[in-house]
PDB file of all heavy atoms in Angstrom:
ATOM      1  N   ARG A   1      34.912 -92.099  23.952  1.00  0.00           N
ATOM      2  CA  ARG A   1      34.658 -90.925  24.802  1.00  0.00           C
ATOM      3  C   ARG A   1      35.130 -91.187  26.244  1.00  0.00           C
ATOM      4  O   ARG A   1      35.711 -90.314  26.888  1.00  0.00           O
ATOM      5  CB  ARG A   1      33.182 -90.597  24.816  1.00  0.00           C
ATOM      6  CG  ARG A   1      32.822 -89.401  25.670  1.00  0.00           C
ATOM      7  CD  ARG A   1      31.392 -89.377  26.042  1.00  0.00           C
ATOM      8  NE  ARG A   1      31.056 -90.577  26.812  1.00  0.00           N
ATOM      9  CZ  ARG A   1      29.844 -90.936  27.151  1.00  0.00           C
ATOM     10  NH1 ARG A   1      28.822 -90.210  26.790  1.00  0.00           N
ATOM     11  NH2 ARG A   1      29.623 -92.028  27.852  1.00  0.00           N
ATOM     12  N   ASP A   2      34.906 -92.390  26.720  1.00  0.00           N
ATOM     13  CA  ASP A   2      35.276 -92.724  28.098  1.00  0.00           C
ATOM     14  C   ASP A   2      36.786 -92.775  28.317  1.00  0.00           C
ATOM     15  O   ASP A   2      37.250 -92.569  29.438  1.00  0.00           O
ATOM     16  CB  ASP A   2      34.656 -94.063  28.506  1.00  0.00           C
ATOM     17  CG  ASP A   2      33.147 -93.977  28.644  1.00  0.00           C
ATOM     18  OD1 ASP A   2      32.611 -92.847  28.732  1.00  0.00           O
ATOM     19  OD2 ASP A   2      32.497 -95.037  28.659  1.00  0.00           O
ATOM     20  N   LYS A   3      37.555 -93.025  27.265  1.00  0.00           N
ATOM     21  CA  LYS A   3      39.004 -93.145  27.465  1.00  0.00           C
ATOM     22  C   LYS A   3      39.816 -91.960  26.950  1.00  0.00           C
ATOM     23  O   LYS A   3      40.963 -91.798  27.326  1.00  0.00           O
ATOM     24  CB  LYS A   3      39.523 -94.438  26.833  1.00  0.00           C
ATOM     25  CG  LYS A   3      39.576 -94.423  25.348  1.00  0.00           C
ATOM     26  CD  LYS A   3      40.235 -95.694  24.816  1.00  0.00           C
ATOM     27  CE  LYS A   3      40.432 -95.561  23.316  1.00  0.00           C
ATOM     28  NZ  LYS A   3      41.220 -96.621  22.774  1.00  0.00           N
ATOM     29  N   THR A   4      39.219 -91.120  26.098  1.00  0.00           N
ATOM     30  CA  THR A   4      39.991 -90.035  25.491  1.00  0.00           C
ATOM     31  C   THR A   4      40.193 -88.868  26.433  1.00  0.00           C
ATOM     32  O   THR A   4      39.373 -88.602  27.310  1.00  0.00           O
ATOM     33  CB  THR A   4      39.334 -89.564  24.174  1.00  0.00           C
ATOM     34  OG1 THR A   4      40.262 -88.701  23.519  1.00  0.00           O
ATOM     35  CG2 THR A   4      38.041 -88.815  24.415  1.00  0.00           C
ATOM     36  N   LYS A   5      41.288 -88.187  26.216  1.00  0.00           N
ATOM     37  CA  LYS A   5      41.581 -86.976  26.966  1.00  0.00           C
ATOM     38  C   LYS A   5      41.561 -85.759  26.021  1.00  0.00           C
ATOM     39  O   LYS A   5      41.751 -84.639  26.446  1.00  0.00           O
ATOM     40  CB  LYS A   5      42.945 -87.081  27.634  1.00  0.00           C
ATOM     41  CG  LYS A   5      43.090 -88.304  28.528  1.00  0.00           C
ATOM     42  CD  LYS A   5      43.504 -87.912  29.901  1.00  0.00           C
ATOM     43  CE  LYS A   5      43.791 -89.070  30.816  1.00  0.00           C
ATOM     44  NZ  LYS A   5      42.750 -90.015  31.016  1.00  0.00           N
ATOM     45  N   ASP A   6      41.335 -86.016  24.733  1.00  0.00           N
ATOM     46  CA  ASP A   6      41.290 -84.972  23.732  1.00  0.00           C
ATOM     47  C   ASP A   6      39.901 -84.339  23.704  1.00  0.00           C
ATOM     48  O   ASP A   6      38.904 -85.032  23.521  1.00  0.00           O
ATOM     49  CB  ASP A   6      41.625 -85.555  22.352  1.00  0.00           C
ATOM     50  CG  ASP A   6      41.627 -84.500  21.271  1.00  0.00           C
ATOM     51  OD1 ASP A   6      42.495 -83.606  21.344  1.00  0.00           O
ATOM     52  OD2 ASP A   6      40.759 -84.580  20.398  1.00  0.00           O
ATOM     53  N   ASN A   7      39.835 -83.029  23.883  1.00  0.00           N
ATOM     54  CA  ASN A   7      38.547 -82.333  23.964  1.00  0.00           C
ATOM     55  C   ASN A   7      37.762 -82.380  22.665  1.00  0.00           C
ATOM     56  O   ASN A   7      36.543 -82.529  22.680  1.00  0.00           O
ATOM     57  CB  ASN A   7      38.751 -80.886  24.401  1.00  0.00           C
ATOM     58  CG  ASN A   7      39.153 -80.780  25.846  1.00  0.00           C
ATOM     59  OD1 ASN A   7      38.841 -81.654  26.643  1.00  0.00           O
ATOM     60  ND2 ASN A   7      39.879 -79.721  26.188  1.00  0.00           N
ATOM     61  N   VAL A   8      38.427 -82.249  21.534  1.00  0.00           N
ATOM     62  CA  VAL A   8      37.742 -82.246  20.247  1.00  0.00           C
ATOM     63  C   VAL A   8      37.100 -83.603  19.982  1.00  0.00           C
ATOM     64  O   VAL A   8      35.935 -83.701  19.593  1.00  0.00           O
ATOM     65  CB  VAL A   8      38.706 -81.843  19.105  1.00  0.00           C
ATOM     66  CG1 VAL A   8      38.037 -81.974  17.748  1.00  0.00           C
ATOM     67  CG2 VAL A   8      39.236 -80.446  19.322  1.00  0.00           C
ATOM     68  N   LEU A   9      37.863 -84.651  20.204  1.00  0.00           N
ATOM     69  CA  LEU A   9      37.344 -86.002  20.003  1.00  0.00           C
ATOM     70  C   LEU A   9      36.231 -86.320  20.998  1.00  0.00           C
ATOM     71  O   LEU A   9      35.212 -86.914  20.633  1.00  0.00           O
ATOM     72  CB  LEU A   9      38.482 -87.031  20.122  1.00  0.00           C
ATOM     73  CG  LEU A   9      38.149 -88.471  19.773  1.00  0.00           C
ATOM     74  CD1 LEU A   9      37.588 -88.583  18.357  1.00  0.00           C
ATOM     75  CD2 LEU A   9      39.387 -89.337  19.922  1.00  0.00           C
ATOM     76  N   TYR A  10      36.399 -85.881  22.230  1.00  0.00           N
ATOM     77  CA  TYR A  10      35.374 -86.083  23.257  1.00  0.00           C
ATOM     78  C   TYR A  10      34.059 -85.409  22.848  1.00  0.00           C
ATOM     79  O   TYR A  10      32.997 -86.016  22.912  1.00  0.00           O
ATOM     80  CB  TYR A  10      35.864 -85.528  24.606  1.00  0.00           C
ATOM     81  CG  TYR A  10      34.867 -85.690  25.722  1.00  0.00           C
ATOM     82  CD1 TYR A  10      34.892 -86.836  26.502  1.00  0.00           C
ATOM     83  CD2 TYR A  10      33.919 -84.716  26.005  1.00  0.00           C
ATOM     84  CE1 TYR A  10      33.980 -87.017  27.528  1.00  0.00           C
ATOM     85  CE2 TYR A  10      33.001 -84.876  27.016  1.00  0.00           C
ATOM     86  CZ  TYR A  10      33.046 -86.033  27.796  1.00  0.00           C
ATOM     87  OH  TYR A  10      32.119 -86.192  28.804  1.00  0.00           O
ATOM     88  N   ASP A  11      34.154 -84.157  22.406  1.00  0.00           N
ATOM     89  CA  ASP A  11      32.953 -83.426  21.990  1.00  0.00           C
ATOM     90  C   ASP A  11      32.285 -84.044  20.767  1.00  0.00           C
ATOM     91  O   ASP A  11      31.058 -84.120  20.688  1.00  0.00           O
ATOM     92  CB  ASP A  11      33.277 -81.950  21.708  1.00  0.00           C
ATOM     93  CG  ASP A  11      33.576 -81.173  22.976  1.00  0.00           C
ATOM     94  OD1 ASP A  11      33.159 -81.621  24.067  1.00  0.00           O
ATOM     95  OD2 ASP A  11      34.211 -80.103  22.872  1.00  0.00           O
ATOM     96  N   ALA A  12      33.096 -84.498  19.815  1.00  0.00           N
ATOM     97  CA  ALA A  12      32.542 -85.134  18.613  1.00  0.00           C
ATOM     98  C   ALA A  12      31.796 -86.411  18.990  1.00  0.00           C
ATOM     99  O   ALA A  12      30.684 -86.661  18.502  1.00  0.00           O
ATOM    100  CB  ALA A  12      33.652 -85.437  17.618  1.00  0.00           C
ATOM    101  N   CYS A  13      32.393 -87.203  19.865  1.00  0.00           N
ATOM    102  CA  CYS A  13      31.736 -88.427  20.312  1.00  0.00           C
ATOM    103  C   CYS A  13      30.447 -88.116  21.074  1.00  0.00           C
ATOM    104  O   CYS A  13      29.426 -88.777  20.876  1.00  0.00           O
ATOM    105  CB  CYS A  13      32.675 -89.258  21.188  1.00  0.00           C
ATOM    106  SG  CYS A  13      33.980 -90.076  20.258  1.00  0.00           S
ATOM    107  N   ARG A  14      30.501 -87.107  21.899  1.00  0.00           N
ATOM    108  CA  ARG A  14      29.317 -86.724  22.678  1.00  0.00           C
ATOM    109  C   ARG A  14      28.175 -86.279  21.760  1.00  0.00           C
ATOM    110  O   ARG A  14      27.017 -86.651  21.969  1.00  0.00           O
ATOM    111  CB  ARG A  14      29.681 -85.605  23.651  1.00  0.00           C
ATOM    112  CG  ARG A  14      28.620 -85.288  24.680  1.00  0.00           C
ATOM    113  CD  ARG A  14      29.133 -84.308  25.715  1.00  0.00           C
ATOM    114  NE  ARG A  14      29.721 -83.121  25.135  1.00  0.00           N
ATOM    115  CZ  ARG A  14      29.066 -81.995  24.885  1.00  0.00           C
ATOM    116  NH1 ARG A  14      27.797 -81.882  25.176  1.00  0.00           N
ATOM    117  NH2 ARG A  14      29.693 -80.966  24.360  1.00  0.00           N
ATOM    118  N   LYS A  15      28.492 -85.532  20.725  1.00  0.00           N
ATOM    119  CA  LYS A  15      27.478 -85.084  19.778  1.00  0.00           C
ATOM    120  C   LYS A  15      26.855 -86.262  19.029  1.00  0.00           C
ATOM    121  O   LYS A  15      25.640 -86.281  18.802  1.00  0.00           O
ATOM    122  CB  LYS A  15      28.070 -84.090  18.783  1.00  0.00           C
ATOM    123  CG  LYS A  15      28.320 -82.734  19.404  1.00  0.00           C
ATOM    124  CD  LYS A  15      28.935 -81.782  18.412  1.00  0.00           C
ATOM    125  CE  LYS A  15      29.273 -80.461  19.077  1.00  0.00           C
ATOM    126  NZ  LYS A  15      29.942 -79.525  18.175  1.00  0.00           N
ATOM    127  N   ILE A  16      27.669 -87.226  18.654  1.00  0.00           N
ATOM    128  CA  ILE A  16      27.150 -88.414  17.958  1.00  0.00           C
ATOM    129  C   ILE A  16      26.242 -89.212  18.878  1.00  0.00           C
ATOM    130  O   ILE A  16      25.162 -89.656  18.479  1.00  0.00           O
ATOM    131  CB  ILE A  16      28.307 -89.273  17.423  1.00  0.00           C
ATOM    132  CG1 ILE A  16      28.952 -88.569  16.227  1.00  0.00           C
ATOM    133  CG2 ILE A  16      27.833 -90.677  17.038  1.00  0.00           C
ATOM    134  CD1 ILE A  16      30.209 -89.225  15.712  1.00  0.00           C
ATOM    135  N   ILE A  17      26.653 -89.377  20.116  1.00  0.00           N
ATOM    136  CA  ILE A  17      25.837 -90.127  21.101  1.00  0.00           C
ATOM    137  C   ILE A  17      24.517 -89.409  21.341  1.00  0.00           C
ATOM    138  O   ILE A  17      23.448 -90.032  21.373  1.00  0.00           O
ATOM    139  CB  ILE A  17      26.635 -90.325  22.397  1.00  0.00           C
ATOM    140  CG1 ILE A  17      27.835 -91.233  22.149  1.00  0.00           C
ATOM    141  CG2 ILE A  17      25.738 -90.909  23.494  1.00  0.00           C
ATOM    142  CD1 ILE A  17      28.887 -91.196  23.239  1.00  0.00           C
ATOM    143  N   THR A  18      24.567 -88.100  21.500  1.00  0.00           N
ATOM    144  CA  THR A  18      23.352 -87.304  21.738  1.00  0.00           C
ATOM    145  C   THR A  18      22.406 -87.365  20.542  1.00  0.00           C
ATOM    146  O   THR A  18      21.197 -87.513  20.704  1.00  0.00           O
ATOM    147  CB  THR A  18      23.725 -85.842  22.049  1.00  0.00           C
ATOM    148  OG1 THR A  18      24.617 -85.815  23.164  1.00  0.00           O
ATOM    149  CG2 THR A  18      22.496 -85.017  22.365  1.00  0.00           C
ATOM    150  N   ALA A  19      22.954 -87.253  19.337  1.00  0.00           N
ATOM    151  CA  ALA A  19      22.123 -87.301  18.137  1.00  0.00           C
ATOM    152  C   ALA A  19      21.458 -88.673  17.991  1.00  0.00           C
ATOM    153  O   ALA A  19      20.281 -88.764  17.640  1.00  0.00           O
ATOM    154  CB  ALA A  19      22.952 -86.996  16.904  1.00  0.00           C
ATOM    155  N   THR A  20      22.192 -89.720  18.302  1.00  0.00           N
ATOM    156  CA  THR A  20      21.619 -91.068  18.219  1.00  0.00           C
ATOM    157  C   THR A  20      20.522 -91.234  19.253  1.00  0.00           C
ATOM    158  O   THR A  20      19.447 -91.767  18.947  1.00  0.00           O
ATOM    159  CB  THR A  20      22.707 -92.141  18.426  1.00  0.00           C
ATOM    160  OG1 THR A  20      23.715 -91.986  17.428  1.00  0.00           O
ATOM    161  CG2 THR A  20      22.133 -93.540  18.319  1.00  0.00           C
ATOM    162  N   SER A  21      20.760 -90.759  20.453  1.00  0.00           N
ATOM    163  CA  SER A  21      19.746 -90.850  21.508  1.00  0.00           C
ATOM    164  C   SER A  21      18.488 -90.059  21.138  1.00  0.00           C
ATOM    165  O   SER A  21      17.390 -90.444  21.512  1.00  0.00           O
ATOM    166  CB  SER A  21      20.291 -90.323  22.829  1.00  0.00           C
ATOM    167  OG  SER A  21      21.369 -91.112  23.254  1.00  0.00           O
ATOM    168  N   GLY A  22      18.658 -88.973  20.413  1.00  0.00           N
ATOM    169  CA  GLY A  22      17.541 -88.134  20.011  1.00  0.00           C
ATOM    170  C   GLY A  22      16.848 -88.596  18.730  1.00  0.00           C
ATOM    171  O   GLY A  22      15.916 -87.955  18.260  1.00  0.00           O
ATOM    172  N   GLY A  23      17.325 -89.693  18.155  1.00  0.00           N
ATOM    173  CA  GLY A  23      16.708 -90.220  16.947  1.00  0.00           C
ATOM    174  C   GLY A  23      17.104 -89.502  15.667  1.00  0.00           C
ATOM    175  O   GLY A  23      16.472 -89.667  14.630  1.00  0.00           O
ATOM    176  N   LYS A  24      18.177 -88.729  15.726  1.00  0.00           N
ATOM    177  CA  LYS A  24      18.642 -87.974  14.550  1.00  0.00           C
ATOM    178  C   LYS A  24      19.729 -88.780  13.833  1.00  0.00           C
ATOM    179  O   LYS A  24      20.882 -88.378  13.751  1.00  0.00           O
ATOM    180  CB  LYS A  24      19.158 -86.613  14.975  1.00  0.00           C
ATOM    181  CG  LYS A  24      18.080 -85.759  15.619  1.00  0.00           C
ATOM    182  CD  LYS A  24      18.648 -84.466  16.143  1.00  0.00           C
ATOM    183  CE  LYS A  24      17.556 -83.686  16.859  1.00  0.00           C
ATOM    184  NZ  LYS A  24      18.079 -82.549  17.582  1.00  0.00           N
ATOM    185  N   TYR A  25      19.315 -89.915  13.306  1.00  0.00           N
ATOM    186  CA  TYR A  25      20.261 -90.858  12.710  1.00  0.00           C
ATOM    187  C   TYR A  25      20.932 -90.310  11.452  1.00  0.00           C
ATOM    188  O   TYR A  25      22.108 -90.595  11.212  1.00  0.00           O
ATOM    189  CB  TYR A  25      19.553 -92.181  12.422  1.00  0.00           C
ATOM    190  CG  TYR A  25      18.831 -92.732  13.632  1.00  0.00           C
ATOM    191  CD1 TYR A  25      17.447 -92.899  13.628  1.00  0.00           C
ATOM    192  CD2 TYR A  25      19.525 -93.072  14.779  1.00  0.00           C
ATOM    193  CE1 TYR A  25      16.786 -93.391  14.735  1.00  0.00           C
ATOM    194  CE2 TYR A  25      18.865 -93.560  15.893  1.00  0.00           C
ATOM    195  CZ  TYR A  25      17.499 -93.721  15.862  1.00  0.00           C
ATOM    196  OH  TYR A  25      16.858 -94.205  16.972  1.00  0.00           O
ATOM    197  N   ASP A  26      20.195 -89.528  10.676  1.00  0.00           N
ATOM    198  CA  ASP A  26      20.783 -88.929   9.476  1.00  0.00           C
ATOM    199  C   ASP A  26      21.939 -88.001   9.826  1.00  0.00           C
ATOM    200  O   ASP A  26      22.953 -87.970   9.126  1.00  0.00           O
ATOM    201  CB  ASP A  26      19.729 -88.131   8.688  1.00  0.00           C
ATOM    202  CG  ASP A  26      18.706 -89.030   8.024  1.00  0.00           C
ATOM    203  OD1 ASP A  26      19.023 -90.207   7.779  1.00  0.00           O
ATOM    204  OD2 ASP A  26      17.587 -88.553   7.755  1.00  0.00           O
ATOM    205  N   LYS A  27      21.800 -87.259  10.908  1.00  0.00           N
ATOM    206  CA  LYS A  27      22.860 -86.336  11.333  1.00  0.00           C
ATOM    207  C   LYS A  27      24.115 -87.109  11.748  1.00  0.00           C
ATOM    208  O   LYS A  27      25.227 -86.630  11.535  1.00  0.00           O
ATOM    209  CB  LYS A  27      22.378 -85.446  12.468  1.00  0.00           C
ATOM    210  CG  LYS A  27      21.349 -84.454  12.008  1.00  0.00           C
ATOM    211  CD  LYS A  27      21.146 -83.362  13.024  1.00  0.00           C
ATOM    212  CE  LYS A  27      20.106 -82.419  12.478  1.00  0.00           C
ATOM    213  NZ  LYS A  27      20.461 -81.041  12.591  1.00  0.00           N
ATOM    214  N   VAL A  28      23.927 -88.266  12.357  1.00  0.00           N
ATOM    215  CA  VAL A  28      25.076 -89.096  12.752  1.00  0.00           C
ATOM    216  C   VAL A  28      25.839 -89.545  11.506  1.00  0.00           C
ATOM    217  O   VAL A  28      27.070 -89.421  11.447  1.00  0.00           O
ATOM    218  CB  VAL A  28      24.614 -90.334  13.574  1.00  0.00           C
ATOM    219  CG1 VAL A  28      25.777 -91.273  13.814  1.00  0.00           C
ATOM    220  CG2 VAL A  28      24.000 -89.884  14.882  1.00  0.00           C
ATOM    221  N   ILE A  29      25.112 -90.036  10.531  1.00  0.00           N
ATOM    222  CA  ILE A  29      25.759 -90.509   9.300  1.00  0.00           C
ATOM    223  C   ILE A  29      26.449 -89.347   8.587  1.00  0.00           C
ATOM    224  O   ILE A  29      27.576 -89.482   8.095  1.00  0.00           O
ATOM    225  CB  ILE A  29      24.731 -91.201   8.373  1.00  0.00           C
ATOM    226  CG1 ILE A  29      24.055 -92.376   9.093  1.00  0.00           C
ATOM    227  CG2 ILE A  29      25.387 -91.651   7.070  1.00  0.00           C
ATOM    228  CD1 ILE A  29      24.994 -93.429   9.632  1.00  0.00           C
ATOM    229  N   GLN A  30      25.808 -88.185   8.557  1.00  0.00           N
ATOM    230  CA  GLN A  30      26.427 -86.986   7.951  1.00  0.00           C
ATOM    231  C   GLN A  30      27.705 -86.604   8.680  1.00  0.00           C
ATOM    232  O   GLN A  30      28.712 -86.287   8.047  1.00  0.00           O
ATOM    233  CB  GLN A  30      25.467 -85.812   7.995  1.00  0.00           C
ATOM    234  CG  GLN A  30      24.523 -85.715   6.859  1.00  0.00           C
ATOM    235  CD  GLN A  30      23.676 -84.455   6.945  1.00  0.00           C
ATOM    236  OE1 GLN A  30      23.360 -83.982   8.038  1.00  0.00           O
ATOM    237  NE2 GLN A  30      23.295 -83.911   5.809  1.00  0.00           N
ATOM    238  N   ALA A  31      27.669 -86.630  10.003  1.00  0.00           N
ATOM    239  CA  ALA A  31      28.839 -86.239  10.795  1.00  0.00           C
ATOM    240  C   ALA A  31      30.008 -87.185  10.549  1.00  0.00           C
ATOM    241  O   ALA A  31      31.156 -86.749  10.404  1.00  0.00           O
ATOM    242  CB  ALA A  31      28.486 -86.213  12.281  1.00  0.00           C
ATOM    243  N   VAL A  32      29.718 -88.470  10.490  1.00  0.00           N
ATOM    244  CA  VAL A  32      30.778 -89.452  10.259  1.00  0.00           C
ATOM    245  C   VAL A  32      31.327 -89.326   8.844  1.00  0.00           C
ATOM    246  O   VAL A  32      32.543 -89.449   8.631  1.00  0.00           O
ATOM    247  CB  VAL A  32      30.281 -90.885  10.563  1.00  0.00           C
ATOM    248  CG1 VAL A  32      31.311 -91.917  10.163  1.00  0.00           C
ATOM    249  CG2 VAL A  32      29.942 -91.022  12.035  1.00  0.00           C
ATOM    250  N   THR A  33      30.479 -89.053   7.888  1.00  0.00           N
ATOM    251  CA  THR A  33      30.929 -88.872   6.508  1.00  0.00           C
ATOM    252  C   THR A  33      31.848 -87.657   6.403  1.00  0.00           C
ATOM    253  O   THR A  33      32.902 -87.725   5.753  1.00  0.00           O
ATOM    254  CB  THR A  33      29.721 -88.712   5.563  1.00  0.00           C
ATOM    255  OG1 THR A  33      28.897 -89.865   5.683  1.00  0.00           O
ATOM    256  CG2 THR A  33      30.163 -88.553   4.119  1.00  0.00           C
ATOM    257  N   MET A  34      31.465 -86.579   7.059  1.00  0.00           N
ATOM    258  CA  MET A  34      32.325 -85.378   7.072  1.00  0.00           C
ATOM    259  C   MET A  34      33.652 -85.662   7.791  1.00  0.00           C
ATOM    260  O   MET A  34      34.716 -85.209   7.346  1.00  0.00           O
ATOM    261  CB  MET A  34      31.620 -84.207   7.735  1.00  0.00           C
ATOM    262  CG  MET A  34      30.516 -83.606   6.891  1.00  0.00           C
ATOM    263  SD  MET A  34      31.071 -83.007   5.294  1.00  0.00           S
ATOM    264  CE  MET A  34      32.181 -81.725   5.781  1.00  0.00           C
ATOM    265  N   ALA A  35      33.589 -86.405   8.879  1.00  0.00           N
ATOM    266  CA  ALA A  35      34.806 -86.746   9.624  1.00  0.00           C
ATOM    267  C   ALA A  35      35.737 -87.590   8.751  1.00  0.00           C
ATOM    268  O   ALA A  35      36.955 -87.422   8.791  1.00  0.00           O
ATOM    269  CB  ALA A  35      34.444 -87.495  10.897  1.00  0.00           C
ATOM    270  N   GLU A  36      35.146 -88.474   7.970  1.00  0.00           N
ATOM    271  CA  GLU A  36      35.960 -89.309   7.085  1.00  0.00           C
ATOM    272  C   GLU A  36      36.678 -88.461   6.039  1.00  0.00           C
ATOM    273  O   GLU A  36      37.863 -88.670   5.781  1.00  0.00           O
ATOM    274  CB  GLU A  36      35.077 -90.356   6.408  1.00  0.00           C
ATOM    275  CG  GLU A  36      35.868 -91.313   5.536  1.00  0.00           C
ATOM    276  CD  GLU A  36      35.006 -92.416   4.953  1.00  0.00           C
ATOM    277  OE1 GLU A  36      33.800 -92.466   5.214  1.00  0.00           O
ATOM    278  OE2 GLU A  36      35.575 -93.244   4.214  1.00  0.00           O
ATOM    279  N   LEU A  37      35.980 -87.518   5.457  1.00  0.00           N
ATOM    280  CA  LEU A  37      36.602 -86.633   4.473  1.00  0.00           C
ATOM    281  C   LEU A  37      37.736 -85.825   5.091  1.00  0.00           C
ATOM    282  O   LEU A  37      38.810 -85.690   4.506  1.00  0.00           O
ATOM    283  CB  LEU A  37      35.552 -85.704   3.862  1.00  0.00           C
ATOM    284  CG  LEU A  37      34.492 -86.370   2.987  1.00  0.00           C
ATOM    285  CD1 LEU A  37      33.431 -85.364   2.579  1.00  0.00           C
ATOM    286  CD2 LEU A  37      35.119 -87.041   1.781  1.00  0.00           C
ATOM    287  N   LYS A  38      37.498 -85.282   6.263  1.00  0.00           N
ATOM    288  CA  LYS A  38      38.528 -84.497   6.952  1.00  0.00           C
ATOM    289  C   LYS A  38      39.705 -85.372   7.356  1.00  0.00           C
ATOM    290  O   LYS A  38      40.854 -84.952   7.293  1.00  0.00           O
ATOM    291  CB  LYS A  38      37.938 -83.807   8.178  1.00  0.00           C
ATOM    292  CG  LYS A  38      36.997 -82.689   7.797  1.00  0.00           C
ATOM    293  CD  LYS A  38      36.394 -82.033   9.020  1.00  0.00           C
ATOM    294  CE  LYS A  38      35.413 -80.947   8.619  1.00  0.00           C
ATOM    295  NZ  LYS A  38      34.783 -80.326   9.778  1.00  0.00           N
ATOM    296  N   TYR A  39      39.412 -86.599   7.796  1.00  0.00           N
ATOM    297  CA  TYR A  39      40.474 -87.544   8.184  1.00  0.00           C
ATOM    298  C   TYR A  39      41.374 -87.837   6.981  1.00  0.00           C
ATOM    299  O   TYR A  39      42.594 -87.785   7.082  1.00  0.00           O
ATOM    300  CB  TYR A  39      39.848 -88.835   8.706  1.00  0.00           C
ATOM    301  CG  TYR A  39      40.848 -89.862   9.139  1.00  0.00           C
ATOM    302  CD1 TYR A  39      41.289 -89.911  10.466  1.00  0.00           C
ATOM    303  CD2 TYR A  39      41.352 -90.824   8.258  1.00  0.00           C
ATOM    304  CE1 TYR A  39      42.212 -90.859  10.885  1.00  0.00           C
ATOM    305  CE2 TYR A  39      42.261 -91.757   8.676  1.00  0.00           C
ATOM    306  CZ  TYR A  39      42.697 -91.785   9.982  1.00  0.00           C
ATOM    307  OH  TYR A  39      43.614 -92.719  10.388  1.00  0.00           O
ATOM    308  N   LEU A  40      40.757 -88.140   5.843  1.00  0.00           N
ATOM    309  CA  LEU A  40      41.541 -88.441   4.631  1.00  0.00           C
ATOM    310  C   LEU A  40      42.345 -87.229   4.189  1.00  0.00           C
ATOM    311  O   LEU A  40      43.498 -87.371   3.782  1.00  0.00           O
ATOM    312  CB  LEU A  40      40.605 -88.903   3.518  1.00  0.00           C
ATOM    313  CG  LEU A  40      39.946 -90.256   3.720  1.00  0.00           C
ATOM    314  CD1 LEU A  40      38.936 -90.535   2.626  1.00  0.00           C
ATOM    315  CD2 LEU A  40      40.984 -91.372   3.785  1.00  0.00           C
ATOM    316  N   GLU A  41      41.759 -86.061   4.293  1.00  0.00           N
ATOM    317  CA  GLU A  41      42.459 -84.837   3.928  1.00  0.00           C
ATOM    318  C   GLU A  41      43.680 -84.601   4.835  1.00  0.00           C
ATOM    319  O   GLU A  41      44.742 -84.216   4.370  1.00  0.00           O
ATOM    320  CB  GLU A  41      41.492 -83.658   4.044  1.00  0.00           C
ATOM    321  CG  GLU A  41      42.033 -82.338   3.622  1.00  0.00           C
ATOM    322  CD  GLU A  41      40.999 -81.244   3.793  1.00  0.00           C
ATOM    323  OE1 GLU A  41      39.946 -81.323   3.116  1.00  0.00           O
ATOM    324  OE2 GLU A  41      41.239 -80.327   4.598  1.00  0.00           O
ATOM    325  N   GLU A  42      43.508 -84.860   6.117  1.00  0.00           N
ATOM    326  CA  GLU A  42      44.573 -84.594   7.090  1.00  0.00           C
ATOM    327  C   GLU A  42      45.699 -85.623   7.048  1.00  0.00           C
ATOM    328  O   GLU A  42      46.876 -85.280   7.110  1.00  0.00           O
ATOM    329  CB  GLU A  42      43.971 -84.551   8.507  1.00  0.00           C
ATOM    330  CG  GLU A  42      44.961 -84.250   9.578  1.00  0.00           C
ATOM    331  CD  GLU A  42      45.517 -82.845   9.510  1.00  0.00           C
ATOM    332  OE1 GLU A  42      44.837 -81.936   9.012  1.00  0.00           O
ATOM    333  OE2 GLU A  42      46.675 -82.653   9.954  1.00  0.00           O
TER     334      GLU A  42
END
C-alpha cells in the first residue's frame, strides 16, 4: 500500500488492513481467496 500508485490495489490493501485491525480475520482470508481466483483467471 505504501509503494503502490494503483488505486484498486491500494484500496484492496487498505480493506485488508482495516479488516485485520477490526478483528475480522475470516473476511481477510475470504478476500485473499477471492483475489487468488481472480488472479488465476486473469
